[in-house]
Amino acid sequence: MTVIRFEGQDFVCGEEESVLACMTRHGVMIPSSCQAGACQTCMIRALEGRPTPESQQGLKDTLRVQNYFLACMCKPTENMTIGLSTVSPAYHTVLREKTVLNESVVRLRLDRPAGFHYRAGQFINLVRPTDQLTRSYSLASVPEDGHLELQVKRVPDGKLSNWLFDAFEVGDAVEFFGPAGDCFYVSGAAEQPLLLVGTGTGLAPLYGILRDVLAQGHTGPIHLFHASLAAPGLYLEDELRALERANEQFHYVPCVLHGDAPAGGRQGNIAELPMAVLGSLDGYRVFLCGDPPIVNALRQKCFIAGASMQDIYSDPFVFTPVPD
């Protein structure tokens, strides 16, 4: 028999009994539906102990490496501590560098606190110290950088984004929680073609993912499409072109909806451009970041173009619909 610990209480799991059945028998209700591993409603996370391989079948690799599993399919072989979610501790950091990248995007580089671990492409929740106003920002850095990089877009009437632009200065302290998100690269299938598509500051997590992919020796073709309404909204062009020159498998395509595109770029609707350039996406691993309507449209179109839903990772940026 094994013991399942949940929210500080221990529950004995019988032989050949699933985690879901055990918890239900003890009166602890975990969300569930099909109880056959299809709907994934009962997905939870192992905080201690290893989920069985059967309980992780069908999950994306980014979920598997974070120890998520299906409670209905897990007949544990060792004691486990499980949780529906995890609460991040608060981390304290200091702004070390602030650079304006274009008229609406600022780069912030923060000290990386001791003990803070993340994967390139995840995000953190930044907290303003004066009133605890909190917003999510993707990390554009990779762990090897030693700092945390955010690329923040100024949002009209946005209290936190405007504060970061106008009042947050080098040397100021700030607090954050995290990391969170499952839009990141997991090594394996180094020859698999990759497609990265971002709008606006959707480039931030993709820039981190790209650098991580290259550092891990990915050999398959890598296509990055970065879109803006017009050319002035693009940024990091020099850095991306330098990476393109240094890595023959990497191809950078700047895209604009209006006006002329930069050299080597494309003009048109970003929801259509990757498929127009690449054709079939059969076998591709896809990363999509940026405005939710565009990300959702791209997810559908990438699937229609041949990409498996298991290989499509997305991080739609949800903005506050009214002034902060």
C-alpha atoms as a PDB file:
ATOM      1  CA  MET A   1       0.000   0.000   0.000  1.00  0.00           C
ATOM      2  CA  THR A   2       1.063   3.582  -0.601  1.00  0.00           C
ATOM      3  CA  VAL A   3       0.248   6.870   1.107  1.00  0.00           C
ATOM      4  CA  ILE A   4      -1.069   9.929  -0.721  1.00  0.00           C
ATOM      5  CA  ARG A   5      -0.539  13.258   1.050  1.00  0.00           C
ATOM      6  CA  PHE A   6      -2.842  16.098   0.060  1.00  0.00           C
ATOM      7  CA  GLU A   7      -3.108  19.476   1.802  1.00  0.00           C
ATOM      8  CA  GLY A   8      -1.354  18.163   4.915  1.00  0.00           C
ATOM      9  CA  GLN A   9      -3.427  14.987   5.322  1.00  0.00           C
ATOM     10  CA  ASP A  10      -2.380  11.395   4.579  1.00  0.00           C
ATOM     11  CA  PHE A  11      -4.624   8.924   2.759  1.00  0.00           C
ATOM     12  CA  VAL A  12      -3.873   5.223   2.359  1.00  0.00           C
ATOM     13  CA  CYS A  13      -4.181   4.035  -1.236  1.00  0.00           C
ATOM     14  CA  GLY A  14      -5.135   0.409  -1.724  1.00  0.00           C
ATOM     15  CA  GLU A  15      -3.381  -1.967  -4.094  1.00  0.00           C
ATOM     16  CA  GLU A  16      -4.443  -1.433  -7.719  1.00  0.00           C
ATOM     17  CA  GLU A  17      -6.401   1.657  -6.613  1.00  0.00           C
ATOM     18  CA  SER A  18      -6.010   4.876  -8.570  1.00  0.00           C
ATOM     19  CA  VAL A  19      -5.225   8.188  -6.913  1.00  0.00           C
ATOM     20  CA  LEU A  20      -8.638   9.458  -7.997  1.00  0.00           C
ATOM     21  CA  ALA A  21     -10.446   6.432  -6.536  1.00  0.00           C
ATOM     22  CA  CYS A  22      -8.465   6.724  -3.308  1.00  0.00           C
ATOM     23  CA  MET A  23      -9.275  10.385  -2.820  1.00  0.00           C
ATOM     24  CA  THR A  24     -12.940   9.876  -3.713  1.00  0.00           C
ATOM     25  CA  ARG A  25     -13.194   6.985  -1.236  1.00  0.00           C
ATOM     26  CA  HIS A  26     -11.854   9.273   1.492  1.00  0.00           C
ATOM     27  CA  GLY A  27     -14.342  12.018   0.628  1.00  0.00           C
ATOM     28  CA  VAL A  28     -11.865  14.311  -1.143  1.00  0.00           C
ATOM     29  CA  MET A  29     -13.374  15.422  -4.418  1.00  0.00           C
ATOM     30  CA  ILE A  30     -10.925  15.975  -7.261  1.00  0.00           C
ATOM     31  CA  PRO A  31     -12.467  17.331 -10.491  1.00  0.00           C
ATOM     32  CA  SER A  32     -13.046  14.444 -12.899  1.00  0.00           C
ATOM     33  CA  SER A  33     -15.237  13.372 -15.772  1.00  0.00           C
ATOM     34  CA  CYS A  34     -14.470  10.395 -18.007  1.00  0.00           C
ATOM     35  CA  GLN A  35     -12.264   8.481 -15.501  1.00  0.00           C
ATOM     36  CA  ALA A  36     -10.547   6.875 -18.493  1.00  0.00           C
ATOM     37  CA  GLY A  37      -7.674   9.254 -19.184  1.00  0.00           C
ATOM     38  CA  ALA A  38      -9.341  10.983 -22.127  1.00  0.00           C
ATOM     39  CA  CYS A  39     -10.780  14.253 -20.830  1.00  0.00           C
ATOM     40  CA  GLN A  40      -7.791  15.233 -18.609  1.00  0.00           C
ATOM     41  CA  THR A  41     -10.169  16.916 -16.141  1.00  0.00           C
ATOM     42  CA  CYS A  42      -8.485  15.150 -13.197  1.00  0.00           C
ATOM     43  CA  MET A  43      -4.962  16.373 -14.019  1.00  0.00           C
ATOM     44  CA  ILE A  44      -3.030  17.209 -10.844  1.00  0.00           C
ATOM     45  CA  ARG A  45       0.612  17.616  -9.914  1.00  0.00           C
ATOM     46  CA  ALA A  46       2.996  15.404  -7.954  1.00  0.00           C
ATOM     47  CA  LEU A  47       4.913  17.604  -5.518  1.00  0.00           C
ATOM     48  CA  GLU A  48       6.813  14.596  -4.155  1.00  0.00           C
ATOM     49  CA  GLY A  49       7.076  11.104  -5.612  1.00  0.00           C
ATOM     50  CA  ARG A  50       6.930  10.019  -9.232  1.00  0.00           C
ATOM     51  CA  PRO A  51       3.754   9.627 -11.286  1.00  0.00           C
ATOM     52  CA  THR A  52       3.450   6.338 -13.152  1.00  0.00           C
ATOM     53  CA  PRO A  53       4.209   6.459 -16.899  1.00  0.00           C
ATOM     54  CA  GLU A  54       0.641   5.400 -17.677  1.00  0.00           C
ATOM     55  CA  SER A  55      -0.745   8.434 -15.864  1.00  0.00           C
ATOM     56  CA  GLN A  56       1.242  10.836 -18.056  1.00  0.00           C
ATOM     57  CA  GLN A  57       0.372   9.343 -21.428  1.00  0.00           C
ATOM     58  CA  GLY A  58      -1.237  11.881 -23.716  1.00  0.00           C
ATOM     59  CA  LEU A  59       0.080  14.899 -21.784  1.00  0.00           C
ATOM     60  CA  LYS A  60       2.301  17.494 -23.394  1.00  0.00           C
ATOM     61  CA  ASP A  61       5.967  17.114 -22.577  1.00  0.00           C
ATOM     62  CA  THR A  62       5.982  20.490 -20.805  1.00  0.00           C
ATOM     63  CA  LEU A  63       3.379  19.123 -18.384  1.00  0.00           C
ATOM     64  CA  ARG A  64       5.173  15.804 -17.895  1.00  0.00           C
ATOM     65  CA  VAL A  65       8.468  17.435 -16.902  1.00  0.00           C
ATOM     66  CA  GLN A  66       6.567  19.454 -14.267  1.00  0.00           C
ATOM     67  CA  ASN A  67       5.156  16.171 -12.827  1.00  0.00           C
ATOM     68  CA  TYR A  68       1.543  16.683 -13.857  1.00  0.00           C
ATOM     69  CA  PHE A  69      -0.442  13.454 -14.234  1.00  0.00           C
ATOM     70  CA  LEU A  70      -3.969  12.065 -14.559  1.00  0.00           C
ATOM     71  CA  ALA A  71      -5.295  10.961 -11.173  1.00  0.00           C
ATOM     72  CA  CYS A  72      -7.711   8.463 -12.721  1.00  0.00           C
ATOM     73  CA  MET A  73      -4.859   6.617 -14.459  1.00  0.00           C
ATOM     74  CA  CYS A  74      -2.275   6.658 -11.665  1.00  0.00           C
ATOM     75  CA  LYS A  75      -1.977   3.543  -9.503  1.00  0.00           C
ATOM     76  CA  PRO A  76       0.957   4.748  -7.407  1.00  0.00           C
ATOM     77  CA  THR A  77       3.968   2.554  -6.733  1.00  0.00           C
ATOM     78  CA  GLU A  78       5.429   4.860  -4.069  1.00  0.00           C
ATOM     79  CA  ASN A  79       4.247   7.441  -1.568  1.00  0.00           C
ATOM     80  CA  MET A  80       3.252  10.738  -3.173  1.00  0.00           C
ATOM     81  CA  THR A  81       2.415  14.290  -2.189  1.00  0.00           C
ATOM     82  CA  ILE A  82      -0.048  15.817  -4.632  1.00  0.00           C
ATOM     83  CA  GLY A  83      -1.512  19.252  -5.195  1.00  0.00           C
ATOM     84  CA  LEU A  84      -4.131  20.819  -7.419  1.00  0.00           C
ATOM     85  CA  SER A  85      -1.767  23.797  -7.755  1.00  0.00           C
ATOM     86  CA  THR A  86       1.359  25.158  -6.180  1.00  0.00           C
ATOM     87  CA  VAL A  87       1.849  28.521  -4.529  1.00  0.00           C
ATOM     88  CA  SER A  88       5.065  30.304  -5.379  1.00  0.00           C
ATOM     89  CA  PRO A  89       6.988  32.087  -2.643  1.00  0.00           C
ATOM     90  CA  ALA A  90       7.553  35.796  -3.057  1.00  0.00           C
ATOM     91  CA  TYR A  91      10.924  36.744  -4.499  1.00  0.00           C
ATOM     92  CA  HIS A  92      12.597  40.108  -4.044  1.00  0.00           C
ATOM     93  CA  THR A  93      14.791  41.669  -6.692  1.00  0.00           C
ATOM     94  CA  VAL A  94      16.298  44.944  -7.909  1.00  0.00           C
ATOM     95  CA  LEU A  95      16.239  46.649 -11.298  1.00  0.00           C
ATOM     96  CA  ARG A  96      19.779  46.714 -12.740  1.00  0.00           C
ATOM     97  CA  GLU A  97      19.222  47.872 -16.331  1.00  0.00           C
ATOM     98  CA  LYS A  98      16.491  49.706 -18.213  1.00  0.00           C
ATOM     99  CA  THR A  99      16.550  50.190 -22.009  1.00  0.00           C
ATOM    100  CA  VAL A 100      13.880  51.557 -24.351  1.00  0.00           C
ATOM    101  CA  LEU A 101      13.659  49.180 -27.345  1.00  0.00           C
ATOM    102  CA  ASN A 102      11.114  51.181 -29.349  1.00  0.00           C
ATOM    103  CA  GLU A 103       8.441  53.790 -28.709  1.00  0.00           C
ATOM    104  CA  SER A 104       6.219  51.337 -26.831  1.00  0.00           C
ATOM    105  CA  VAL A 105       8.529  48.613 -25.445  1.00  0.00           C
ATOM    106  CA  VAL A 106      11.033  48.851 -22.595  1.00  0.00           C
ATOM    107  CA  ARG A 107      13.530  46.170 -21.545  1.00  0.00           C
ATOM    108  CA  LEU A 108      13.994  45.628 -17.806  1.00  0.00           C
ATOM    109  CA  ARG A 109      16.802  43.481 -16.439  1.00  0.00           C
ATOM    110  CA  LEU A 110      16.371  42.378 -12.837  1.00  0.00           C
ATOM    111  CA  ASP A 111      18.680  40.556 -10.474  1.00  0.00           C
ATOM    112  CA  ARG A 112      17.915  36.841 -10.412  1.00  0.00           C
ATOM    113  CA  PRO A 113      17.197  35.941  -6.768  1.00  0.00           C
ATOM    114  CA  ALA A 114      18.985  32.982  -5.217  1.00  0.00           C
ATOM    115  CA  GLY A 115      16.861  29.842  -5.422  1.00  0.00           C
ATOM    116  CA  PHE A 116      14.679  31.073  -8.286  1.00  0.00           C
ATOM    117  CA  HIS A 117      14.549  28.502 -11.095  1.00  0.00           C
ATOM    118  CA  TYR A 118      12.637  28.748 -14.357  1.00  0.00           C
ATOM    119  CA  ARG A 119      12.510  27.589 -17.957  1.00  0.00           C
ATOM    120  CA  ALA A 120      12.988  29.998 -20.846  1.00  0.00           C
ATOM    121  CA  GLY A 121       9.540  31.102 -22.047  1.00  0.00           C
ATOM    122  CA  GLN A 122       7.763  31.031 -18.673  1.00  0.00           C
ATOM    123  CA  PHE A 123       6.358  34.153 -17.004  1.00  0.00           C
ATOM    124  CA  ILE A 124       6.380  35.819 -13.590  1.00  0.00           C
ATOM    125  CA  ASN A 125       3.817  37.937 -11.745  1.00  0.00           C
ATOM    126  CA  LEU A 126       5.338  41.327 -10.941  1.00  0.00           C
ATOM    127  CA  VAL A 127       4.030  43.227  -7.897  1.00  0.00           C
ATOM    128  CA  ARG A 128       4.213  47.007  -7.440  1.00  0.00           C
ATOM    129  CA  PRO A 129       5.363  47.608  -3.869  1.00  0.00           C
ATOM    130  CA  THR A 130       3.168  50.656  -3.187  1.00  0.00           C
ATOM    131  CA  ASP A 131      -0.224  49.004  -3.684  1.00  0.00           C
ATOM    132  CA  GLN A 132       0.404  45.324  -4.602  1.00  0.00           C
ATOM    133  CA  LEU A 133      -0.916  45.833  -8.128  1.00  0.00           C
ATOM    134  CA  THR A 134       0.119  42.677 -10.011  1.00  0.00           C
ATOM    135  CA  ARG A 135       0.587  41.862 -13.690  1.00  0.00           C
ATOM    136  CA  SER A 136       2.137  38.926 -15.580  1.00  0.00           C
ATOM    137  CA  TYR A 137       5.218  39.400 -17.764  1.00  0.00           C
ATOM    138  CA  SER A 138       7.075  36.798 -19.804  1.00  0.00           C
ATOM    139  CA  LEU A 139      10.765  36.150 -19.297  1.00  0.00           C
ATOM    140  CA  ALA A 140      12.929  36.874 -22.347  1.00  0.00           C
ATOM    141  CA  SER A 141      16.075  35.671 -20.599  1.00  0.00           C
ATOM    142  CA  VAL A 142      17.532  32.189 -20.240  1.00  0.00           C
ATOM    143  CA  PRO A 143      18.681  30.832 -16.858  1.00  0.00           C
ATOM    144  CA  GLU A 144      22.336  31.055 -17.915  1.00  0.00           C
ATOM    145  CA  ASP A 145      22.068  34.860 -18.228  1.00  0.00           C
ATOM    146  CA  GLY A 146      22.164  35.355 -14.481  1.00  0.00           C
ATOM    147  CA  HIS A 147      19.496  38.059 -14.702  1.00  0.00           C
ATOM    148  CA  LEU A 148      15.777  38.146 -15.489  1.00  0.00           C
ATOM    149  CA  GLU A 149      14.733  40.073 -18.583  1.00  0.00           C
ATOM    150  CA  LEU A 150      11.257  41.478 -19.167  1.00  0.00           C
ATOM    151  CA  GLN A 151      10.071  43.262 -22.315  1.00  0.00           C
ATOM    152  CA  VAL A 152       7.147  45.431 -21.279  1.00  0.00           C
ATOM    153  CA  LYS A 153       4.688  47.068 -23.639  1.00  0.00           C
ATOM    154  CA  ARG A 154       3.191  50.390 -22.603  1.00  0.00           C
ATOM    155  CA  VAL A 155      -0.578  49.887 -22.385  1.00  0.00           C
ATOM    156  CA  PRO A 156      -2.772  53.011 -22.703  1.00  0.00           C
ATOM    157  CA  ASP A 157      -4.038  53.907 -19.207  1.00  0.00           C
ATOM    158  CA  GLY A 158      -2.242  50.851 -17.818  1.00  0.00           C
ATOM    159  CA  LYS A 159      -1.156  51.699 -14.281  1.00  0.00           C
ATOM    160  CA  LEU A 160       1.607  49.118 -13.981  1.00  0.00           C
ATOM    161  CA  SER A 161       3.064  49.329 -17.486  1.00  0.00           C
ATOM    162  CA  ASN A 162       3.200  53.131 -17.330  1.00  0.00           C
ATOM    163  CA  TRP A 163       4.767  52.982 -13.868  1.00  0.00           C
ATOM    164  CA  LEU A 164       7.442  50.612 -15.195  1.00  0.00           C
ATOM    165  CA  PHE A 165       8.120  52.991 -18.100  1.00  0.00           C
ATOM    166  CA  ASP A 166       8.071  56.274 -16.204  1.00  0.00           C
ATOM    167  CA  ALA A 167       8.793  55.731 -12.516  1.00  0.00           C
ATOM    168  CA  PHE A 168      10.603  52.414 -12.015  1.00  0.00           C
ATOM    169  CA  GLU A 169      14.319  53.248 -11.940  1.00  0.00           C
ATOM    170  CA  VAL A 170      17.612  51.375 -11.737  1.00  0.00           C
ATOM    171  CA  GLY A 171      18.233  50.421  -8.116  1.00  0.00           C
ATOM    172  CA  ASP A 172      14.540  50.200  -7.212  1.00  0.00           C
ATOM    173  CA  ALA A 173      13.317  47.043  -5.479  1.00  0.00           C
ATOM    174  CA  VAL A 174      10.331  44.997  -6.610  1.00  0.00           C
ATOM    175  CA  GLU A 175       8.641  41.708  -5.705  1.00  0.00           C
ATOM    176  CA  PHE A 176       7.405  38.878  -7.921  1.00  0.00           C
ATOM    177  CA  PHE A 177       5.878  35.395  -7.823  1.00  0.00           C
ATOM    178  CA  GLY A 178       6.470  32.508 -10.200  1.00  0.00           C
ATOM    179  CA  PRO A 179       7.453  31.053 -12.491  1.00  0.00           C
ATOM    180  CA  ALA A 180       4.354  29.845 -14.329  1.00  0.00           C
ATOM    181  CA  GLY A 181       3.402  28.690 -17.796  1.00  0.00           C
ATOM    182  CA  ASP A 182       4.068  25.620 -19.937  1.00  0.00           C
ATOM    183  CA  CYS A 183       5.120  27.309 -23.185  1.00  0.00           C
ATOM    184  CA  PHE A 184       8.771  26.259 -23.194  1.00  0.00           C
ATOM    185  CA  TYR A 185      11.170  23.935 -25.019  1.00  0.00           C
ATOM    186  CA  VAL A 186      11.825  20.386 -23.853  1.00  0.00           C
ATOM    187  CA  SER A 187      14.902  18.747 -25.348  1.00  0.00           C
ATOM    188  CA  GLY A 188      14.486  15.735 -27.590  1.00  0.00           C
ATOM    189  CA  ALA A 189      13.775  15.266 -31.302  1.00  0.00           C
ATOM    190  CA  ALA A 190      16.605  17.682 -32.115  1.00  0.00           C
ATOM    191  CA  GLU A 191      15.898  17.360 -35.831  1.00  0.00           C
ATOM    192  CA  GLN A 192      12.217  18.366 -35.528  1.00  0.00           C
ATOM    193  CA  PRO A 193      11.309  21.609 -37.357  1.00  0.00           C
ATOM    194  CA  LEU A 194      10.198  24.420 -35.050  1.00  0.00           C
ATOM    195  CA  LEU A 195       7.857  27.339 -35.717  1.00  0.00           C
ATOM    196  CA  LEU A 196       7.807  30.343 -33.372  1.00  0.00           C
ATOM    197  CA  VAL A 197       5.225  33.082 -33.988  1.00  0.00           C
ATOM    198  CA  GLY A 198       4.757  36.188 -31.851  1.00  0.00           C
ATOM    199  CA  THR A 199       2.985  39.532 -32.027  1.00  0.00           C
ATOM    200  CA  GLY A 200       4.323  42.599 -30.209  1.00  0.00           C
ATOM    201  CA  THR A 201       5.956  41.635 -26.918  1.00  0.00           C
ATOM    202  CA  GLY A 202       4.965  38.054 -27.670  1.00  0.00           C
ATOM    203  CA  LEU A 203       8.554  38.095 -28.912  1.00  0.00           C
ATOM    204  CA  ALA A 204       9.781  38.124 -25.286  1.00  0.00           C
ATOM    205  CA  PRO A 205       9.133  34.446 -24.397  1.00  0.00           C
ATOM    206  CA  LEU A 206      10.019  33.388 -27.944  1.00  0.00           C
ATOM    207  CA  TYR A 207      13.392  35.135 -27.701  1.00  0.00           C
ATOM    208  CA  GLY A 208      14.122  33.141 -24.555  1.00  0.00           C
ATOM    209  CA  ILE A 209      12.890  29.905 -26.129  1.00  0.00           C
ATOM    210  CA  LEU A 210      14.948  30.530 -29.261  1.00  0.00           C
ATOM    211  CA  ARG A 211      18.158  31.082 -27.326  1.00  0.00           C
ATOM    212  CA  ASP A 212      17.435  27.999 -25.212  1.00  0.00           C
ATOM    213  CA  VAL A 213      16.772  25.900 -28.333  1.00  0.00           C
ATOM    214  CA  LEU A 214      20.043  26.995 -29.922  1.00  0.00           C
ATOM    215  CA  ALA A 215      22.023  26.442 -26.718  1.00  0.00           C
ATOM    216  CA  GLN A 216      20.680  22.895 -26.476  1.00  0.00           C
ATOM    217  CA  GLY A 217      21.947  22.098 -29.964  1.00  0.00           C
ATOM    218  CA  HIS A 218      18.675  21.816 -31.854  1.00  0.00           C
ATOM    219  CA  THR A 219      19.599  20.918 -35.432  1.00  0.00           C
ATOM    220  CA  GLY A 220      16.223  21.048 -37.191  1.00  0.00           C
ATOM    221  CA  PRO A 221      15.038  24.180 -39.013  1.00  0.00           C
ATOM    222  CA  ILE A 222      13.786  26.979 -36.733  1.00  0.00           C
ATOM    223  CA  HIS A 223      11.477  29.667 -38.144  1.00  0.00           C
ATOM    224  CA  LEU A 224      10.657  32.783 -36.096  1.00  0.00           C
ATOM    225  CA  PHE A 225       7.922  35.120 -37.359  1.00  0.00           C
ATOM    226  CA  HIS A 226       7.615  38.362 -35.367  1.00  0.00           C
ATOM    227  CA  ALA A 227       4.721  40.649 -36.255  1.00  0.00           C
ATOM    228  CA  SER A 228       3.785  44.263 -35.636  1.00  0.00           C
ATOM    229  CA  LEU A 229       1.248  46.641 -37.152  1.00  0.00           C
ATOM    230  CA  ALA A 230       4.093  48.522 -38.872  1.00  0.00           C
ATOM    231  CA  ALA A 231       7.891  48.414 -39.024  1.00  0.00           C
ATOM    232  CA  PRO A 232       8.492  50.848 -36.097  1.00  0.00           C
ATOM    233  CA  GLY A 233       6.799  48.336 -33.778  1.00  0.00           C
ATOM    234  CA  LEU A 234       9.410  45.671 -34.441  1.00  0.00           C
ATOM    235  CA  TYR A 235      12.420  45.368 -32.136  1.00  0.00           C
ATOM    236  CA  LEU A 236      15.513  43.207 -31.488  1.00  0.00           C
ATOM    237  CA  GLU A 237      16.013  43.028 -35.259  1.00  0.00           C
ATOM    238  CA  ASP A 238      19.797  43.343 -34.990  1.00  0.00           C
ATOM    239  CA  GLU A 239      20.020  40.634 -32.328  1.00  0.00           C
ATOM    240  CA  LEU A 240      17.811  38.262 -34.304  1.00  0.00           C
ATOM    241  CA  ARG A 241      19.689  38.843 -37.555  1.00  0.00           C
ATOM    242  CA  ALA A 242      22.961  38.159 -35.736  1.00  0.00           C
ATOM    243  CA  LEU A 243      21.554  34.851 -34.484  1.00  0.00           C
ATOM    244  CA  GLU A 244      20.404  34.058 -38.023  1.00  0.00           C
ATOM    245  CA  ARG A 245      23.903  34.658 -39.396  1.00  0.00           C
ATOM    246  CA  ALA A 246      25.472  32.510 -36.685  1.00  0.00           C
ATOM    247  CA  ASN A 247      23.029  29.576 -36.971  1.00  0.00           C
ATOM    248  CA  GLU A 248      22.224  28.268 -40.426  1.00  0.00           C
ATOM    249  CA  GLN A 249      19.165  26.365 -39.187  1.00  0.00           C
ATOM    250  CA  PHE A 250      17.527  29.577 -37.887  1.00  0.00           C
ATOM    251  CA  HIS A 251      15.380  31.801 -40.092  1.00  0.00           C
ATOM    252  CA  TYR A 252      13.991  35.167 -38.926  1.00  0.00           C
ATOM    253  CA  VAL A 253      10.977  36.710 -40.672  1.00  0.00           C
ATOM    254  CA  PRO A 254       9.864  40.194 -39.522  1.00  0.00           C
ATOM    255  CA  CYS A 255       6.223  40.825 -40.471  1.00  0.00           C
ATOM    256  CA  VAL A 256       4.033  43.929 -40.713  1.00  0.00           C
ATOM    257  CA  LEU A 257       0.338  44.389 -41.361  1.00  0.00           C
ATOM    258  CA  HIS A 258       0.680  47.885 -42.856  1.00  0.00           C
ATOM    259  CA  GLY A 259       3.424  49.462 -44.933  1.00  0.00           C
ATOM    260  CA  ASP A 260       6.668  48.018 -46.175  1.00  0.00           C
ATOM    261  CA  ALA A 261       8.277  45.106 -44.361  1.00  0.00           C
ATOM    262  CA  PRO A 262      11.996  45.173 -43.491  1.00  0.00           C
ATOM    263  CA  ALA A 263      14.456  43.312 -45.684  1.00  0.00           C
ATOM    264  CA  GLY A 264      13.662  39.613 -45.743  1.00  0.00           C
ATOM    265  CA  GLY A 265      10.289  40.233 -44.118  1.00  0.00           C
ATOM    266  CA  ARG A 266       6.661  39.814 -45.107  1.00  0.00           C
ATOM    267  CA  GLN A 267       3.634  42.104 -45.304  1.00  0.00           C
ATOM    268  CA  GLY A 268       0.209  40.734 -44.441  1.00  0.00           C
ATOM    269  CA  ASN A 269      -1.903  39.040 -41.784  1.00  0.00           C
ATOM    270  CA  ILE A 270       0.351  37.153 -39.346  1.00  0.00           C
ATOM    271  CA  ALA A 271      -2.371  34.517 -38.908  1.00  0.00           C
ATOM    272  CA  GLU A 272      -1.790  33.552 -42.557  1.00  0.00           C
ATOM    273  CA  LEU A 273       1.886  34.278 -43.219  1.00  0.00           C
ATOM    274  CA  PRO A 274       3.652  31.259 -41.611  1.00  0.00           C
ATOM    275  CA  MET A 275       1.558  28.802 -43.598  1.00  0.00           C
ATOM    276  CA  ALA A 276       1.987  30.858 -46.766  1.00  0.00           C
ATOM    277  CA  VAL A 277       5.768  30.681 -46.363  1.00  0.00           C
ATOM    278  CA  LEU A 278       6.188  27.143 -45.018  1.00  0.00           C
ATOM    279  CA  GLY A 279       3.217  25.270 -46.459  1.00  0.00           C
ATOM    280  CA  SER A 280       2.496  22.075 -44.517  1.00  0.00           C
ATOM    281  CA  LEU A 281       3.323  22.080 -40.802  1.00  0.00           C
ATOM    282  CA  ASP A 282       3.200  18.302 -40.514  1.00  0.00           C
ATOM    283  CA  GLY A 283       5.836  17.285 -37.943  1.00  0.00           C
ATOM    284  CA  TYR A 284       6.435  20.804 -36.613  1.00  0.00           C
ATOM    285  CA  ARG A 285       6.603  21.817 -32.966  1.00  0.00           C
ATOM    286  CA  VAL A 286       4.889  25.221 -32.680  1.00  0.00           C
ATOM    287  CA  PHE A 287       5.150  28.050 -30.123  1.00  0.00           C
ATOM    288  CA  LEU A 288       2.621  30.925 -30.301  1.00  0.00           C
ATOM    289  CA  CYS A 289       2.700  34.054 -28.101  1.00  0.00           C
ATOM    290  CA  GLY A 290       0.953  37.424 -28.108  1.00  0.00           C
ATOM    291  CA  ASP A 291      -2.547  38.831 -28.547  1.00  0.00           C
ATOM    292  CA  PRO A 292      -5.198  36.192 -27.677  1.00  0.00           C
ATOM    293  CA  PRO A 293      -7.347  36.515 -30.838  1.00  0.00           C
ATOM    294  CA  ILE A 294      -4.289  36.123 -33.059  1.00  0.00           C
ATOM    295  CA  VAL A 295      -2.865  33.261 -30.986  1.00  0.00           C
ATOM    296  CA  ASN A 296      -6.202  31.451 -31.099  1.00  0.00           C
ATOM    297  CA  ALA A 297      -6.484  31.943 -34.864  1.00  0.00           C
ATOM    298  CA  LEU A 298      -2.916  30.735 -35.364  1.00  0.00           C
ATOM    299  CA  ARG A 299      -3.509  27.653 -33.217  1.00  0.00           C
ATOM    300  CA  GLN A 300      -6.429  26.656 -35.409  1.00  0.00           C
ATOM    301  CA  LYS A 301      -4.629  27.386 -38.674  1.00  0.00           C
ATOM    302  CA  CYS A 302      -1.463  25.559 -37.587  1.00  0.00           C
ATOM    303  CA  PHE A 303      -3.558  22.514 -36.734  1.00  0.00           C
ATOM    304  CA  ILE A 304      -5.314  22.651 -40.101  1.00  0.00           C
ATOM    305  CA  ALA A 305      -1.879  22.958 -41.752  1.00  0.00           C
ATOM    306  CA  GLY A 306      -0.823  19.651 -40.205  1.00  0.00           C
ATOM    307  CA  ALA A 307       0.672  20.386 -36.769  1.00  0.00           C
ATOM    308  CA  SER A 308      -0.466  18.061 -33.993  1.00  0.00           C
ATOM    309  CA  MET A 309      -2.310  19.731 -31.102  1.00  0.00           C
ATOM    310  CA  GLN A 310       0.144  17.924 -28.798  1.00  0.00           C
ATOM    311  CA  ASP A 311       2.928  19.904 -30.465  1.00  0.00           C
ATOM    312  CA  ILE A 312       1.294  23.345 -30.301  1.00  0.00           C
ATOM    313  CA  TYR A 313       2.272  25.430 -27.260  1.00  0.00           C
ATOM    314  CA  SER A 314       0.759  28.843 -26.699  1.00  0.00           C
ATOM    315  CA  ASP A 315       0.919  31.795 -24.336  1.00  0.00           C
ATOM    316  CA  PRO A 316      -1.869  34.283 -25.161  1.00  0.00           C
ATOM    317  CA  PHE A 317      -1.301  37.619 -23.408  1.00  0.00           C
ATOM    318  CA  VAL A 318      -4.521  38.540 -21.632  1.00  0.00           C
ATOM    319  CA  PHE A 319      -4.677  42.285 -21.004  1.00  0.00           C
ATOM    320  CA  THR A 320      -6.904  43.954 -18.421  1.00  0.00           C
ATOM    321  CA  PRO A 321     -10.034  45.026 -20.364  1.00  0.00           C
ATOM    322  CA  VAL A 322     -10.442  48.281 -18.418  1.00  0.00           C
ATOM    323  CA  PRO A 323      -7.846  50.713 -17.043  1.00  0.00           C
ATOM    324  CA  ASP A 324      -5.844  49.149 -14.164  1.00  0.00           C
END
